[in-house]
Amino acid sequence: AREAGGCTKFFEPVFEGLTVQPDRGKALVFPVASLDGEADERYLHSGEPVEAGTKWILGTWLMETERSDAADMARSIDGLWKLAGGRPVGASVAKKAEKKADKKAEKKKKKKR
């Protein structure tokens, strides 16, 4: 079966336009945060459209503590999608993060009452 497209493209100049073509049976693994837990923007990337075949993605985020800036980070991700000329599938990442933050704040208010 023919496979085409689906490359992972990194934005940061340090990677000199690195584009990684998917390869059946192999995985591309990279961090998204530094050892101190701060987002490492060098790894901002996008997935190019799959032209033929199937691309499997497993995204896993391991966090030691909850991020207080999740909504801001989500807005940045949405902005990167726009810069790359695409858009995230479904509801925007920022809107989902804002809804989650609103629900959490509402629960705190109810507990105080």
N, C-alpha and C. Protein backbone atom coordinates (compact mmCIF):
# COMPACT_ATOMS: atom_id res chain seq x y z
N ALA A 1 0.84 -1.19 0.00
CA ALA A 1 0.00 0.00 0.00
C ALA A 1 0.88 1.25 0.00
N ARG A 2 0.50 2.20 -0.80
CA ARG A 2 1.24 3.45 -0.92
C ARG A 2 0.94 4.34 0.27
N GLU A 3 1.95 5.00 0.81
CA GLU A 3 1.78 5.95 1.91
C GLU A 3 2.47 7.25 1.52
N ALA A 4 1.83 8.37 1.85
CA ALA A 4 2.43 9.68 1.53
C ALA A 4 1.90 10.74 2.48
N GLY A 5 2.71 11.77 2.70
CA GLY A 5 2.32 12.88 3.58
C GLY A 5 2.47 12.50 5.04
N GLY A 6 1.85 13.30 5.91
CA GLY A 6 1.85 13.01 7.34
C GLY A 6 3.14 13.35 8.07
N CYS A 7 4.01 14.14 7.46
CA CYS A 7 5.29 14.50 8.11
C CYS A 7 5.05 15.30 9.38
N THR A 8 5.98 15.20 10.31
CA THR A 8 6.00 16.06 11.49
C THR A 8 7.01 17.16 11.19
N LYS A 9 6.56 18.41 11.30
CA LYS A 9 7.41 19.56 10.94
C LYS A 9 7.66 20.41 12.18
N PHE A 10 8.93 20.69 12.46
CA PHE A 10 9.31 21.51 13.60
C PHE A 10 9.53 22.95 13.13
N PHE A 11 9.06 23.93 13.93
CA PHE A 11 9.10 25.34 13.55
C PHE A 11 10.40 26.04 13.94
N GLU A 12 10.98 25.66 15.06
CA GLU A 12 12.11 26.39 15.65
C GLU A 12 13.35 26.36 14.74
N PRO A 13 13.99 27.53 14.54
CA PRO A 13 15.19 27.59 13.68
C PRO A 13 16.30 26.63 14.10
N VAL A 14 16.40 26.31 15.40
CA VAL A 14 17.46 25.41 15.85
C VAL A 14 17.38 24.05 15.13
N PHE A 15 16.20 23.68 14.66
CA PHE A 15 16.04 22.41 13.94
C PHE A 15 16.21 22.56 12.43
N GLU A 16 16.49 23.78 11.98
CA GLU A 16 16.76 24.05 10.57
C GLU A 16 15.69 23.46 9.65
N GLY A 17 14.42 23.67 10.00
CA GLY A 17 13.32 23.20 9.14
C GLY A 17 13.14 21.69 9.13
N LEU A 18 13.52 21.03 10.21
CA LEU A 18 13.43 19.57 10.28
C LEU A 18 12.01 19.09 10.00
N THR A 19 11.89 18.17 9.06
CA THR A 19 10.63 17.52 8.74
C THR A 19 10.89 16.02 8.79
N VAL A 20 10.09 15.30 9.59
CA VAL A 20 10.30 13.86 9.76
C VAL A 20 9.15 13.11 9.08
N GLN A 21 9.50 12.28 8.12
CA GLN A 21 8.52 11.47 7.39
C GLN A 21 8.15 10.26 8.26
N PRO A 22 6.85 9.95 8.39
CA PRO A 22 6.48 8.76 9.16
C PRO A 22 7.08 7.51 8.51
N ASP A 23 7.47 6.55 9.34
CA ASP A 23 8.06 5.32 8.85
C ASP A 23 7.45 4.17 9.63
N ARG A 24 6.72 3.31 8.94
CA ARG A 24 6.01 2.20 9.59
C ARG A 24 6.93 1.44 10.55
N GLY A 25 6.43 1.23 11.78
CA GLY A 25 7.18 0.49 12.77
C GLY A 25 8.14 1.32 13.60
N LYS A 26 8.23 2.62 13.32
CA LYS A 26 9.13 3.49 14.07
C LYS A 26 8.33 4.56 14.80
N ALA A 27 8.93 5.12 15.84
CA ALA A 27 8.27 6.18 16.62
C ALA A 27 9.18 7.40 16.69
N LEU A 28 8.56 8.56 16.68
CA LEU A 28 9.27 9.83 16.88
C LEU A 28 8.92 10.28 18.29
N VAL A 29 9.91 10.39 19.15
CA VAL A 29 9.69 10.74 20.55
C VAL A 29 10.52 11.99 20.86
N PHE A 30 9.88 12.98 21.49
CA PHE A 30 10.60 14.20 21.85
C PHE A 30 9.91 14.84 23.05
N PRO A 31 10.66 15.61 23.87
CA PRO A 31 10.07 16.29 25.03
C PRO A 31 9.34 17.56 24.60
N VAL A 32 8.49 18.04 25.46
CA VAL A 32 7.83 19.33 25.21
C VAL A 32 8.10 20.31 26.35
N ALA A 33 8.86 19.87 27.35
CA ALA A 33 9.16 20.73 28.50
C ALA A 33 10.61 20.49 28.92
N SER A 34 11.17 21.50 29.57
CA SER A 34 12.52 21.37 30.11
C SER A 34 12.44 20.63 31.44
N LEU A 35 13.58 20.32 32.03
CA LEU A 35 13.60 19.58 33.29
C LEU A 35 12.93 20.34 34.43
N ASP A 36 12.86 21.67 34.34
CA ASP A 36 12.20 22.45 35.40
C ASP A 36 10.69 22.55 35.18
N GLY A 37 10.17 21.88 34.16
CA GLY A 37 8.74 21.85 33.92
C GLY A 37 8.20 22.95 33.02
N GLU A 38 9.08 23.85 32.57
CA GLU A 38 8.64 24.93 31.70
C GLU A 38 8.49 24.42 30.27
N ALA A 39 7.48 24.95 29.56
CA ALA A 39 7.28 24.56 28.17
C ALA A 39 8.54 24.89 27.37
N ASP A 40 8.96 23.95 26.55
CA ASP A 40 10.14 24.15 25.71
C ASP A 40 9.68 24.38 24.28
N GLU A 41 9.61 25.64 23.90
CA GLU A 41 9.04 26.02 22.61
C GLU A 41 9.87 25.55 21.42
N ARG A 42 11.08 25.06 21.68
CA ARG A 42 11.88 24.54 20.57
C ARG A 42 11.19 23.36 19.90
N TYR A 43 10.32 22.69 20.63
CA TYR A 43 9.69 21.48 20.10
C TYR A 43 8.29 21.72 19.53
N LEU A 44 7.91 22.99 19.34
CA LEU A 44 6.62 23.27 18.71
C LEU A 44 6.65 22.69 17.30
N HIS A 45 5.58 22.01 16.94
CA HIS A 45 5.57 21.27 15.68
C HIS A 45 4.15 21.17 15.14
N SER A 46 4.04 20.70 13.93
CA SER A 46 2.73 20.44 13.34
C SER A 46 2.80 19.12 12.59
N GLY A 47 1.63 18.55 12.35
CA GLY A 47 1.54 17.34 11.55
C GLY A 47 0.99 17.70 10.18
N GLU A 48 1.72 17.37 9.13
CA GLU A 48 1.26 17.65 7.78
C GLU A 48 0.12 16.68 7.43
N PRO A 49 -0.76 17.07 6.53
CA PRO A 49 -1.87 16.18 6.15
C PRO A 49 -1.37 14.86 5.55
N VAL A 50 -2.08 13.78 5.86
CA VAL A 50 -1.79 12.48 5.28
C VAL A 50 -2.42 12.45 3.89
N GLU A 51 -1.62 12.17 2.88
CA GLU A 51 -2.12 12.15 1.50
C GLU A 51 -2.57 10.76 1.08
N ALA A 52 -1.91 9.73 1.59
CA ALA A 52 -2.29 8.35 1.29
C ALA A 52 -1.83 7.47 2.45
N GLY A 53 -2.67 6.52 2.84
CA GLY A 53 -2.33 5.63 3.94
C GLY A 53 -2.90 6.16 5.25
N THR A 54 -2.35 5.69 6.36
CA THR A 54 -2.83 6.04 7.69
C THR A 54 -1.64 6.41 8.57
N LYS A 55 -1.82 7.43 9.40
CA LYS A 55 -0.79 7.82 10.36
C LYS A 55 -1.37 7.65 11.75
N TRP A 56 -0.68 6.91 12.60
CA TRP A 56 -1.11 6.71 13.98
C TRP A 56 -0.31 7.65 14.88
N ILE A 57 -1.01 8.30 15.81
CA ILE A 57 -0.36 9.24 16.73
C ILE A 57 -0.75 8.88 18.16
N LEU A 58 0.22 8.87 19.04
CA LEU A 58 -0.02 8.68 20.47
C LEU A 58 0.61 9.87 21.17
N GLY A 59 -0.22 10.75 21.70
CA GLY A 59 0.28 11.91 22.43
C GLY A 59 0.12 11.67 23.92
N THR A 60 1.18 11.76 24.67
CA THR A 60 1.13 11.54 26.11
C THR A 60 1.79 12.71 26.82
N TRP A 61 1.09 13.26 27.79
CA TRP A 61 1.63 14.37 28.58
C TRP A 61 1.76 13.88 30.02
N LEU A 62 2.94 13.90 30.55
CA LEU A 62 3.18 13.54 31.94
C LEU A 62 3.55 14.81 32.68
N MET A 63 2.76 15.14 33.71
CA MET A 63 3.02 16.37 34.46
C MET A 63 3.15 16.06 35.94
N GLU A 64 4.15 16.65 36.54
CA GLU A 64 4.36 16.46 37.97
C GLU A 64 3.37 17.31 38.76
N THR A 65 3.09 18.50 38.27
CA THR A 65 2.12 19.38 38.92
C THR A 65 1.20 19.97 37.86
N GLU A 66 0.04 20.44 38.29
CA GLU A 66 -0.91 21.04 37.36
C GLU A 66 -0.38 22.38 36.88
N ARG A 67 -0.55 22.64 35.60
CA ARG A 67 -0.11 23.92 35.04
C ARG A 67 -1.17 24.98 35.30
N SER A 68 -0.75 26.12 35.79
CA SER A 68 -1.69 27.22 36.03
C SER A 68 -1.92 28.04 34.77
N ASP A 69 -1.05 27.86 33.78
CA ASP A 69 -1.16 28.65 32.55
C ASP A 69 -1.68 27.82 31.37
N ALA A 70 -2.46 26.77 31.66
CA ALA A 70 -2.93 25.86 30.61
C ALA A 70 -3.72 26.58 29.52
N ALA A 71 -4.59 27.51 29.89
CA ALA A 71 -5.40 28.22 28.89
C ALA A 71 -4.50 29.09 28.00
N ASP A 72 -3.50 29.76 28.61
CA ASP A 72 -2.56 30.57 27.81
C ASP A 72 -1.77 29.69 26.85
N MET A 73 -1.33 28.54 27.34
CA MET A 73 -0.57 27.62 26.50
C MET A 73 -1.44 27.12 25.34
N ALA A 74 -2.69 26.84 25.63
CA ALA A 74 -3.61 26.36 24.59
C ALA A 74 -3.82 27.43 23.51
N ARG A 75 -3.94 28.69 23.93
CA ARG A 75 -4.09 29.77 22.95
C ARG A 75 -2.85 29.86 22.05
N SER A 76 -1.68 29.64 22.63
CA SER A 76 -0.44 29.64 21.84
C SER A 76 -0.45 28.52 20.81
N ILE A 77 -0.93 27.36 21.21
CA ILE A 77 -1.01 26.22 20.30
C ILE A 77 -1.95 26.54 19.15
N ASP A 78 -3.11 27.12 19.46
CA ASP A 78 -4.05 27.51 18.40
C ASP A 78 -3.41 28.52 17.45
N GLY A 79 -2.62 29.46 18.00
CA GLY A 79 -1.94 30.44 17.18
C GLY A 79 -0.93 29.80 16.23
N LEU A 80 -0.24 28.77 16.71
CA LEU A 80 0.71 28.06 15.86
C LEU A 80 0.01 27.36 14.70
N TRP A 81 -1.15 26.81 14.99
CA TRP A 81 -1.92 26.17 13.91
C TRP A 81 -2.23 27.19 12.82
N LYS A 82 -2.63 28.37 13.23
CA LYS A 82 -2.96 29.42 12.25
C LYS A 82 -1.73 29.81 11.44
N LEU A 83 -0.57 29.94 12.12
CA LEU A 83 0.67 30.28 11.43
C LEU A 83 1.05 29.22 10.41
N ALA A 84 0.78 27.97 10.75
CA ALA A 84 1.14 26.86 9.86
C ALA A 84 0.14 26.71 8.72
N GLY A 85 -0.93 27.52 8.74
CA GLY A 85 -1.91 27.46 7.66
C GLY A 85 -2.96 26.39 7.85
N GLY A 86 -3.05 25.84 9.03
CA GLY A 86 -4.04 24.79 9.30
C GLY A 86 -4.90 25.16 10.48
N ARG A 87 -5.63 24.19 10.95
CA ARG A 87 -6.43 24.41 12.15
C ARG A 87 -6.61 23.08 12.86
N PRO A 88 -6.73 23.11 14.18
CA PRO A 88 -6.93 21.86 14.91
C PRO A 88 -8.29 21.26 14.57
N VAL A 89 -8.37 19.95 14.64
CA VAL A 89 -9.63 19.26 14.37
C VAL A 89 -10.56 19.48 15.56
N GLY A 90 -11.83 19.73 15.30
CA GLY A 90 -12.80 19.91 16.37
C GLY A 90 -12.69 21.27 17.02
N ALA A 91 -13.17 21.36 18.25
CA ALA A 91 -13.14 22.62 18.99
C ALA A 91 -11.70 23.04 19.22
N SER A 92 -11.50 24.33 19.31
CA SER A 92 -10.13 24.81 19.51
C SER A 92 -9.59 24.36 20.86
N VAL A 93 -8.30 24.16 20.91
CA VAL A 93 -7.63 23.73 22.13
C VAL A 93 -7.85 24.76 23.23
N ALA A 94 -7.75 26.05 22.88
CA ALA A 94 -7.92 27.12 23.87
C ALA A 94 -9.32 27.11 24.47
N LYS A 95 -10.34 26.93 23.64
CA LYS A 95 -11.71 26.92 24.15
C LYS A 95 -11.94 25.76 25.10
N LYS A 96 -11.39 24.60 24.78
CA LYS A 96 -11.53 23.45 25.67
C LYS A 96 -10.86 23.73 27.02
N ALA A 97 -9.66 24.32 26.99
CA ALA A 97 -8.93 24.62 28.22
C ALA A 97 -9.68 25.66 29.05
N GLU A 98 -10.25 26.67 28.39
CA GLU A 98 -11.01 27.70 29.10
C GLU A 98 -12.25 27.11 29.76
N LYS A 99 -12.96 26.23 29.06
CA LYS A 99 -14.15 25.60 29.64
C LYS A 99 -13.77 24.79 30.87
N LYS A 100 -12.67 24.06 30.78
CA LYS A 100 -12.21 23.25 31.91
C LYS A 100 -11.87 24.15 33.10
N ALA A 101 -11.18 25.26 32.84
CA ALA A 101 -10.80 26.20 33.91
C ALA A 101 -12.05 26.84 34.53
N ASP A 102 -13.04 27.18 33.69
CA ASP A 102 -14.29 27.75 34.20
C ASP A 102 -15.03 26.78 35.11
N LYS A 103 -15.09 25.52 34.70
CA LYS A 103 -15.76 24.49 35.52
C LYS A 103 -15.06 24.33 36.86
N LYS A 104 -13.73 24.34 36.83
CA LYS A 104 -12.95 24.19 38.05
C LYS A 104 -13.20 25.37 38.99
N ALA A 105 -13.23 26.58 38.45
CA ALA A 105 -13.49 27.78 39.25
C ALA A 105 -14.89 27.74 39.84
N GLU A 106 -15.85 27.27 39.07
CA GLU A 106 -17.24 27.17 39.54
C GLU A 106 -17.34 26.18 40.70
N LYS A 107 -16.63 25.07 40.62
CA LYS A 107 -16.63 24.08 41.70
C LYS A 107 -16.06 24.69 42.98
N LYS A 108 -14.98 25.48 42.84
CA LYS A 108 -14.37 26.12 44.01
C LYS A 108 -15.35 27.08 44.66
N LYS A 109 -16.09 27.84 43.84
CA LYS A 109 -17.08 28.78 44.37
C LYS A 109 -18.16 28.05 45.16
N LYS A 110 -18.64 26.94 44.62
CA LYS A 110 -19.69 26.16 45.28
C LYS A 110 -19.21 25.60 46.61
N LYS A 111 -17.95 25.17 46.68
CA LYS A 111 -17.39 24.63 47.92
C LYS A 111 -17.30 25.70 49.01
N LYS A 112 -17.04 26.96 48.61
CA LYS A 112 -16.91 28.05 49.57
C LYS A 112 -18.25 28.47 50.15
N ARG A 113 -19.33 28.18 49.45
CA ARG A 113 -20.67 28.61 49.90
C ARG A 113 -21.17 27.83 51.05
